[in-house]
Amino acid sequence: MQKTRQLERIVKGFANHRRIEIMALLDRSPELSVLEISDALKINFKTGSEHIRRLAAAGLVMKRNEGSSVRHALTHIGKFILKFLRTLE
């Protein structure tokens, strides 16, 4: 049962076109801040922050503090999921 809940959390983490775009952006340009992600995708900062939070909660994105800013990058699971999603295109 625990395994299926964990899988559900991961699937819900990327079950949005914006979150998939964020994952693709982080694959091309790791270590971006929420502001840089929001600007690159032309989305509201608050929206970008919420999508990043959901990706991190699903274990698809990791956060790293760098001074006063937070940098984001894909985890190994995030990279694997993105590779899988690209096979579906």
C-alpha atoms as a PDB file:
ATOM      1  CA  MET A   1       0.000   0.000   0.000  1.00  0.00           C
ATOM      2  CA  GLN A   2       2.807   2.429   0.899  1.00  0.00           C
ATOM      3  CA  LYS A   3       4.475   1.842  -2.478  1.00  0.00           C
ATOM      4  CA  THR A   4       1.317   2.764  -4.406  1.00  0.00           C
ATOM      5  CA  ARG A   5       0.887   5.967  -2.388  1.00  0.00           C
ATOM      6  CA  GLN A   6       4.478   6.913  -3.154  1.00  0.00           C
ATOM      7  CA  LEU A   7       3.871   6.300  -6.867  1.00  0.00           C
ATOM      8  CA  GLU A   8       0.686   8.367  -6.698  1.00  0.00           C
ATOM      9  CA  ARG A   9       2.637  11.271  -5.158  1.00  0.00           C
ATOM     10  CA  ILE A  10       5.206  11.123  -7.967  1.00  0.00           C
ATOM     11  CA  VAL A  11       2.571  10.958 -10.722  1.00  0.00           C
ATOM     12  CA  LYS A  12       0.618  13.865  -9.231  1.00  0.00           C
ATOM     13  CA  GLY A  13       3.883  15.787  -9.054  1.00  0.00           C
ATOM     14  CA  PHE A  14       4.287  15.925 -12.828  1.00  0.00           C
ATOM     15  CA  ALA A  15       0.604  15.771 -13.802  1.00  0.00           C
ATOM     16  CA  ASN A  16       0.515  19.341 -15.113  1.00  0.00           C
ATOM     17  CA  HIS A  17       1.857  20.825 -18.351  1.00  0.00           C
ATOM     18  CA  ARG A  18       3.577  23.697 -16.520  1.00  0.00           C
ATOM     19  CA  ARG A  19       5.381  21.308 -14.184  1.00  0.00           C
ATOM     20  CA  ILE A  20       6.558  19.279 -17.168  1.00  0.00           C
ATOM     21  CA  GLU A  21       7.809  22.529 -18.765  1.00  0.00           C
ATOM     22  CA  ILE A  22       9.651  23.372 -15.529  1.00  0.00           C
ATOM     23  CA  MET A  23      11.258  19.932 -15.485  1.00  0.00           C
ATOM     24  CA  ALA A  24      12.375  20.339 -19.117  1.00  0.00           C
ATOM     25  CA  LEU A  25      13.779  23.795 -18.338  1.00  0.00           C
ATOM     26  CA  LEU A  26      15.704  22.480 -15.325  1.00  0.00           C
ATOM     27  CA  ASP A  27      17.066  19.665 -17.478  1.00  0.00           C
ATOM     28  CA  ARG A  28      18.471  22.240 -19.915  1.00  0.00           C
ATOM     29  CA  SER A  29      19.490  24.786 -17.259  1.00  0.00           C
ATOM     30  CA  PRO A  30      19.926  23.336 -13.770  1.00  0.00           C
ATOM     31  CA  GLU A  31      20.348  25.472 -10.661  1.00  0.00           C
ATOM     32  CA  LEU A  32      17.687  28.083 -11.451  1.00  0.00           C
ATOM     33  CA  SER A  33      15.777  30.180  -8.930  1.00  0.00           C
ATOM     34  CA  VAL A  34      11.980  30.428  -8.907  1.00  0.00           C
ATOM     35  CA  LEU A  35      12.277  33.935 -10.370  1.00  0.00           C
ATOM     36  CA  GLU A  36      14.454  32.687 -13.244  1.00  0.00           C
ATOM     37  CA  ILE A  37      12.057  29.798 -13.895  1.00  0.00           C
ATOM     38  CA  SER A  38       9.023  32.100 -13.806  1.00  0.00           C
ATOM     39  CA  ASP A  39      10.663  34.599 -16.158  1.00  0.00           C
ATOM     40  CA  ALA A  40      11.792  31.915 -18.616  1.00  0.00           C
ATOM     41  CA  LEU A  41       8.314  30.378 -18.813  1.00  0.00           C
ATOM     42  CA  LYS A  42       6.490  33.731 -18.603  1.00  0.00           C
ATOM     43  CA  ILE A  43       4.409  32.692 -15.596  1.00  0.00           C
ATOM     44  CA  ASN A  44       3.528  34.470 -12.370  1.00  0.00           C
ATOM     45  CA  PHE A  45       6.141  34.110  -9.597  1.00  0.00           C
ATOM     46  CA  LYS A  46       3.572  32.734  -7.143  1.00  0.00           C
ATOM     47  CA  THR A  47       2.405  30.156  -9.695  1.00  0.00           C
ATOM     48  CA  GLY A  48       5.990  29.123 -10.408  1.00  0.00           C
ATOM     49  CA  SER A  49       6.693  28.801  -6.707  1.00  0.00           C
ATOM     50  CA  GLU A  50       3.665  26.544  -6.179  1.00  0.00           C
ATOM     51  CA  HIS A  51       4.630  24.297  -9.096  1.00  0.00           C
ATOM     52  CA  ILE A  52       8.193  23.999  -7.751  1.00  0.00           C
ATOM     53  CA  ARG A  53       6.814  23.166  -4.298  1.00  0.00           C
ATOM     54  CA  ARG A  54       4.730  20.336  -5.755  1.00  0.00           C
ATOM     55  CA  LEU A  55       7.646  19.011  -7.793  1.00  0.00           C
ATOM     56  CA  ALA A  56       9.861  19.049  -4.700  1.00  0.00           C
ATOM     57  CA  ALA A  57       7.189  17.321  -2.584  1.00  0.00           C
ATOM     58  CA  ALA A  58       7.035  14.568  -5.218  1.00  0.00           C
ATOM     59  CA  GLY A  59      10.813  14.161  -5.067  1.00  0.00           C
ATOM     60  CA  LEU A  60      11.308  15.322  -8.663  1.00  0.00           C
ATOM     61  CA  VAL A  61      13.153  18.567  -7.891  1.00  0.00           C
ATOM     62  CA  MET A  62      15.715  19.326  -5.201  1.00  0.00           C
ATOM     63  CA  LYS A  63      16.384  22.685  -3.609  1.00  0.00           C
ATOM     64  CA  ARG A  64      19.781  24.082  -2.654  1.00  0.00           C
ATOM     65  CA  ASN A  65      20.297  27.258  -0.657  1.00  0.00           C
ATOM     66  CA  GLU A  66      22.824  29.653  -2.134  1.00  0.00           C
ATOM     67  CA  GLY A  67      23.124  32.731   0.030  1.00  0.00           C
ATOM     68  CA  SER A  68      19.718  34.388   0.089  1.00  0.00           C
ATOM     69  CA  SER A  69      18.423  32.528  -2.976  1.00  0.00           C
ATOM     70  CA  VAL A  70      17.293  28.948  -3.506  1.00  0.00           C
ATOM     71  CA  ARG A  71      18.464  27.016  -6.555  1.00  0.00           C
ATOM     72  CA  HIS A  72      16.504  24.137  -8.078  1.00  0.00           C
ATOM     73  CA  ALA A  73      17.591  21.080 -10.054  1.00  0.00           C
ATOM     74  CA  LEU A  74      16.081  17.785 -11.125  1.00  0.00           C
ATOM     75  CA  THR A  75      16.625  14.753  -8.917  1.00  0.00           C
ATOM     76  CA  HIS A  76      17.581  11.391 -10.419  1.00  0.00           C
ATOM     77  CA  ILE A  77      13.905  10.406 -10.328  1.00  0.00           C
ATOM     78  CA  GLY A  78      12.972  13.707 -11.990  1.00  0.00           C
ATOM     79  CA  LYS A  79      15.449  13.063 -14.815  1.00  0.00           C
ATOM     80  CA  PHE A  80      14.139   9.522 -15.250  1.00  0.00           C
ATOM     81  CA  ILE A  81      10.500  10.693 -15.366  1.00  0.00           C
ATOM     82  CA  LEU A  82      11.336  13.427 -17.898  1.00  0.00           C
ATOM     83  CA  LYS A  83      13.146  10.900 -20.099  1.00  0.00           C
ATOM     84  CA  PHE A  84      10.080   8.633 -19.908  1.00  0.00           C
ATOM     85  CA  LEU A  85       7.728  11.517 -20.779  1.00  0.00           C
ATOM     86  CA  ARG A  86       9.818  12.352 -23.834  1.00  0.00           C
ATOM     87  CA  THR A  87       9.298   8.822 -25.166  1.00  0.00           C
ATOM     88  CA  LEU A  88       5.553   9.531 -25.170  1.00  0.00           C
ATOM     89  CA  GLU A  89       5.828  12.602 -27.423  1.00  0.00           C
END
